[in-house]
Structure formats: structure tokens, C-alpha cells
Amino acid sequence: MFVAGCHRLEALRCLPSGTGPRPSGPASQIAPPTTVAAAGFEEYWNRLKRAGLAVLAIRDNPMMLPGDQTRGCVAERPNDPDSCSRRQQDAVPFDVQVEAAHSVPTVTLVDLTDSFCVNGRCPPVIGDLLV
């Protein structure tokens, strides 16, 4: 959280570093946070704007299978890791930062979903790396 009295050069250490713990289960079944959380981001980002700092919000990456199931699935199917992929609508969680970024015009939103998911599917392996 933003700490009152942070100096401009220390601002990065005073900011929230994410949206919180990731829930388990399909992203489509996770209830979105209330607009109170988005309002909190908006408030902090507007403070940074007034301090002359730029804000870059990065959308959360897709959620693969809960726990260690993705690693296990890929290990069981080394010649067909794509069989462990998830539908994009199940893998891409609601991200309160996206909602908040649309309300603060000076925030730059980076959404890398298209780098993780193709044609509505999110593979567990990209290149030779486990996502």
C-alpha cells in the first residue's frame, strides 16, 4: 500500500505489488472483487500522478491448473503438452487493475494475454518454458 510520507524516489517500495493471492479454480467461476478494490488502485495511482510519476499496470497472466497439476499433466504428456492447455475464458482471471486502469486515463495498461493464449486456448508450455 502507498505509505504517506514516501519520497518520490522511494515510491516503488511504497506501492502494492500485485492484486493479492491467486484463488484456485476456474477463472470464470471466481467472483470479481468489488469496485472498492478498483477505487483503491485509482486512489494510489492518482497520488502517483500528482507526484509526477507514471503508472504502468500489468494484467495478471493466465492461471493454469490449480496447485502443481499443470506440471504433473505436462510431465505425463511430454510429447503432447498442449493437451494440458486451458480455455482462455477459464484461464484468464478477472483483474481489478484492468477495471481501475480504465478509470484513470494516465495509467498505461499492458495486457500480455495474447502472448500467452492463442485462438481461445492457453498452452502450459511456450517455447520450452512451463507457463
C-alpha atoms as a PDB file:
ATOM      1  CA  MET A   1       0.000   0.000   0.000  1.00  0.00           C
ATOM      2  CA  PHE A   2       1.045   3.587  -0.546  1.00  0.00           C
ATOM      3  CA  VAL A   3       2.650   4.948   2.578  1.00  0.00           C
ATOM      4  CA  ALA A   4       2.121   8.581   3.484  1.00  0.00           C
ATOM      5  CA  GLY A   5       5.414  10.396   3.501  1.00  0.00           C
ATOM      6  CA  CYS A   6       7.107   8.322   0.809  1.00  0.00           C
ATOM      7  CA  HIS A   7       9.664  10.291  -1.096  1.00  0.00           C
ATOM      8  CA  ARG A   8       9.397  10.398  -4.852  1.00  0.00           C
ATOM      9  CA  LEU A   9      12.446   8.177  -5.405  1.00  0.00           C
ATOM     10  CA  GLU A  10      11.171   5.644  -2.889  1.00  0.00           C
ATOM     11  CA  ALA A  11       7.684   5.455  -4.396  1.00  0.00           C
ATOM     12  CA  LEU A  12       8.113   1.993  -5.897  1.00  0.00           C
ATOM     13  CA  ARG A  13       8.793   0.487  -2.485  1.00  0.00           C
ATOM     14  CA  CYS A  14       5.634   2.107  -1.171  1.00  0.00           C
ATOM     15  CA  LEU A  15       3.234   0.614  -3.687  1.00  0.00           C
ATOM     16  CA  PRO A  16       1.172  -2.533  -3.689  1.00  0.00           C
ATOM     17  CA  SER A  17       2.976  -5.196  -5.708  1.00  0.00           C
ATOM     18  CA  GLY A  18       0.025  -7.116  -7.078  1.00  0.00           C
ATOM     19  CA  THR A  19      -3.616  -7.795  -6.617  1.00  0.00           C
ATOM     20  CA  GLY A  20      -3.270 -10.339  -3.836  1.00  0.00           C
ATOM     21  CA  PRO A  21      -3.211 -14.112  -3.583  1.00  0.00           C
ATOM     22  CA  ARG A  22      -4.467 -16.016  -6.587  1.00  0.00           C
ATOM     23  CA  PRO A  23      -7.598 -18.048  -5.970  1.00  0.00           C
ATOM     24  CA  SER A  24      -7.808 -21.630  -7.160  1.00  0.00           C
ATOM     25  CA  GLY A  25     -10.432 -22.937  -9.546  1.00  0.00           C
ATOM     26  CA  PRO A  26     -11.579 -21.849 -12.991  1.00  0.00           C
ATOM     27  CA  ALA A  27     -11.186 -18.120 -13.539  1.00  0.00           C
ATOM     28  CA  SER A  28     -14.728 -17.966 -14.908  1.00  0.00           C
ATOM     29  CA  GLN A  29     -16.061 -19.125 -11.516  1.00  0.00           C
ATOM     30  CA  ILE A  30     -14.136 -16.617  -9.419  1.00  0.00           C
ATOM     31  CA  ALA A  31     -16.265 -13.699  -8.297  1.00  0.00           C
ATOM     32  CA  PRO A  32     -14.749 -10.348  -9.268  1.00  0.00           C
ATOM     33  CA  PRO A  33     -13.603  -8.131  -6.411  1.00  0.00           C
ATOM     34  CA  THR A  34     -15.832  -5.244  -5.587  1.00  0.00           C
ATOM     35  CA  THR A  35     -15.308  -1.826  -7.065  1.00  0.00           C
ATOM     36  CA  VAL A  36     -13.840  -0.850  -3.694  1.00  0.00           C
ATOM     37  CA  ALA A  37     -10.595  -2.585  -4.683  1.00  0.00           C
ATOM     38  CA  ALA A  38     -10.545  -0.768  -8.039  1.00  0.00           C
ATOM     39  CA  ALA A  39     -11.159   2.512  -6.221  1.00  0.00           C
ATOM     40  CA  GLY A  40      -8.135   1.786  -4.027  1.00  0.00           C
ATOM     41  CA  PHE A  41      -5.881   1.375  -7.058  1.00  0.00           C
ATOM     42  CA  GLU A  42      -7.345   4.523  -8.600  1.00  0.00           C
ATOM     43  CA  GLU A  43      -6.607   6.474  -5.420  1.00  0.00           C
ATOM     44  CA  TYR A  44      -2.973   5.326  -5.265  1.00  0.00           C
ATOM     45  CA  TRP A  45      -2.405   5.858  -8.960  1.00  0.00           C
ATOM     46  CA  ASN A  46      -3.811   9.371  -8.777  1.00  0.00           C
ATOM     47  CA  ARG A  47      -1.412  10.112  -5.898  1.00  0.00           C
ATOM     48  CA  LEU A  48       1.468   8.969  -8.075  1.00  0.00           C
ATOM     49  CA  LYS A  49       0.205  11.098 -10.961  1.00  0.00           C
ATOM     50  CA  ARG A  50       0.141  14.147  -8.685  1.00  0.00           C
ATOM     51  CA  ALA A  51       3.725  13.317  -7.664  1.00  0.00           C
ATOM     52  CA  GLY A  52       4.711  13.343 -11.334  1.00  0.00           C
ATOM     53  CA  LEU A  53       5.198   9.587 -11.617  1.00  0.00           C
ATOM     54  CA  ALA A  54       3.978   7.379 -14.439  1.00  0.00           C
ATOM     55  CA  VAL A  55       1.978   4.231 -13.700  1.00  0.00           C
ATOM     56  CA  LEU A  56       2.157   1.018 -15.683  1.00  0.00           C
ATOM     57  CA  ALA A  57      -0.407  -1.639 -14.750  1.00  0.00           C
ATOM     58  CA  ILE A  58       0.234  -5.183 -15.975  1.00  0.00           C
ATOM     59  CA  ARG A  59      -2.714  -7.541 -16.315  1.00  0.00           C
ATOM     60  CA  ASP A  60      -2.290 -10.818 -14.466  1.00  0.00           C
ATOM     61  CA  ASN A  61      -1.114 -13.761 -16.548  1.00  0.00           C
ATOM     62  CA  PRO A  62      -3.399 -16.744 -17.224  1.00  0.00           C
ATOM     63  CA  MET A  63      -3.958 -19.210 -14.405  1.00  0.00           C
ATOM     64  CA  MET A  64      -3.083 -22.729 -15.354  1.00  0.00           C
ATOM     65  CA  LEU A  65      -4.288 -25.790 -13.440  1.00  0.00           C
ATOM     66  CA  PRO A  66      -4.510 -25.398  -9.638  1.00  0.00           C
ATOM     67  CA  GLY A  67      -1.622 -26.425  -7.439  1.00  0.00           C
ATOM     68  CA  ASP A  68       1.022 -28.442  -9.202  1.00  0.00           C
ATOM     69  CA  GLN A  69      -1.404 -30.102 -11.634  1.00  0.00           C
ATOM     70  CA  THR A  70      -0.051 -28.329 -14.718  1.00  0.00           C
ATOM     71  CA  ARG A  71       3.472 -29.576 -14.084  1.00  0.00           C
ATOM     72  CA  GLY A  72       2.119 -33.092 -13.495  1.00  0.00           C
ATOM     73  CA  CYS A  73      -0.027 -33.005 -16.616  1.00  0.00           C
ATOM     74  CA  VAL A  74       2.894 -31.891 -18.799  1.00  0.00           C
ATOM     75  CA  ALA A  75       5.186 -34.489 -17.197  1.00  0.00           C
ATOM     76  CA  GLU A  76       2.667 -37.212 -18.060  1.00  0.00           C
ATOM     77  CA  ARG A  77       2.325 -35.950 -21.647  1.00  0.00           C
ATOM     78  CA  PRO A  78       5.802 -34.760 -22.695  1.00  0.00           C
ATOM     79  CA  ASN A  79       5.000 -35.292 -26.390  1.00  0.00           C
ATOM     80  CA  ASP A  80       1.635 -33.519 -26.200  1.00  0.00           C
ATOM     81  CA  PRO A  81       1.767 -30.717 -23.607  1.00  0.00           C
ATOM     82  CA  ASP A  82      -0.979 -28.849 -25.493  1.00  0.00           C
ATOM     83  CA  SER A  83      -3.433 -31.456 -24.212  1.00  0.00           C
ATOM     84  CA  CYS A  84      -2.921 -29.734 -20.834  1.00  0.00           C
ATOM     85  CA  SER A  85      -3.974 -26.319 -22.160  1.00  0.00           C
ATOM     86  CA  ARG A  86      -6.933 -24.391 -20.772  1.00  0.00           C
ATOM     87  CA  ARG A  87      -9.691 -22.447 -22.429  1.00  0.00           C
ATOM     88  CA  GLN A  88      -8.848 -18.758 -22.281  1.00  0.00           C
ATOM     89  CA  GLN A  89     -12.136 -17.914 -20.565  1.00  0.00           C
ATOM     90  CA  ASP A  90     -11.211 -20.349 -17.768  1.00  0.00           C
ATOM     91  CA  ALA A  91      -7.568 -19.307 -17.525  1.00  0.00           C
ATOM     92  CA  VAL A  92      -7.716 -15.508 -17.643  1.00  0.00           C
ATOM     93  CA  PRO A  93      -8.871 -14.212 -14.267  1.00  0.00           C
ATOM     94  CA  PHE A  94     -10.739 -11.036 -13.545  1.00  0.00           C
ATOM     95  CA  ASP A  95      -8.061  -8.485 -12.763  1.00  0.00           C
ATOM     96  CA  VAL A  96      -9.131  -5.498 -10.709  1.00  0.00           C
ATOM     97  CA  GLN A  97      -6.200  -3.494 -12.100  1.00  0.00           C
ATOM     98  CA  VAL A  98      -7.772  -3.650 -15.573  1.00  0.00           C
ATOM     99  CA  GLU A  99     -11.018  -2.184 -14.247  1.00  0.00           C
ATOM    100  CA  ALA A 100      -9.112   0.519 -12.371  1.00  0.00           C
ATOM    101  CA  ALA A 101      -6.836   1.357 -15.320  1.00  0.00           C
ATOM    102  CA  HIS A 102      -9.862   2.134 -17.488  1.00  0.00           C
ATOM    103  CA  SER A 103     -10.894   4.738 -14.911  1.00  0.00           C
ATOM    104  CA  VAL A 104      -7.527   6.515 -14.722  1.00  0.00           C
ATOM    105  CA  PRO A 105      -6.610   7.841 -18.185  1.00  0.00           C
ATOM    106  CA  THR A 106      -2.971   8.456 -17.264  1.00  0.00           C
ATOM    107  CA  VAL A 107      -2.353   4.776 -16.423  1.00  0.00           C
ATOM    108  CA  THR A 108      -0.803   2.639 -19.144  1.00  0.00           C
ATOM    109  CA  LEU A 109      -2.295  -0.857 -19.164  1.00  0.00           C
ATOM    110  CA  VAL A 110      -0.205  -3.734 -20.506  1.00  0.00           C
ATOM    111  CA  ASP A 111      -2.202  -6.851 -21.340  1.00  0.00           C
ATOM    112  CA  LEU A 112       0.032  -9.744 -22.380  1.00  0.00           C
ATOM    113  CA  THR A 113      -2.810 -12.263 -22.674  1.00  0.00           C
ATOM    114  CA  ASP A 114      -2.238 -12.587 -26.436  1.00  0.00           C
ATOM    115  CA  SER A 115       1.349 -13.588 -25.676  1.00  0.00           C
ATOM    116  CA  PHE A 116       0.104 -16.480 -23.530  1.00  0.00           C
ATOM    117  CA  CYS A 117      -3.118 -17.539 -25.266  1.00  0.00           C
ATOM    118  CA  VAL A 118      -3.875 -18.228 -28.937  1.00  0.00           C
ATOM    119  CA  ASN A 119      -7.251 -18.883 -30.563  1.00  0.00           C
ATOM    120  CA  GLY A 120      -9.022 -19.093 -27.210  1.00  0.00           C
ATOM    121  CA  ARG A 121      -6.573 -21.596 -25.666  1.00  0.00           C
ATOM    122  CA  CYS A 122      -3.744 -21.038 -23.163  1.00  0.00           C
ATOM    123  CA  PRO A 123      -0.992 -23.650 -23.500  1.00  0.00           C
ATOM    124  CA  PRO A 124       1.015 -24.726 -20.470  1.00  0.00           C
ATOM    125  CA  VAL A 125       4.300 -24.623 -22.392  1.00  0.00           C
ATOM    126  CA  ILE A 126       5.531 -21.769 -24.567  1.00  0.00           C
ATOM    127  CA  GLY A 127       8.864 -22.299 -26.268  1.00  0.00           C
ATOM    128  CA  ASP A 128      10.396 -24.781 -23.858  1.00  0.00           C
ATOM    129  CA  LEU A 129       9.163 -22.998 -20.731  1.00  0.00           C
ATOM    130  CA  LEU A 130       6.362 -24.026 -18.402  1.00  0.00           C
ATOM    131  CA  VAL A 131       3.948 -21.121 -18.119  1.00  0.00           C
END
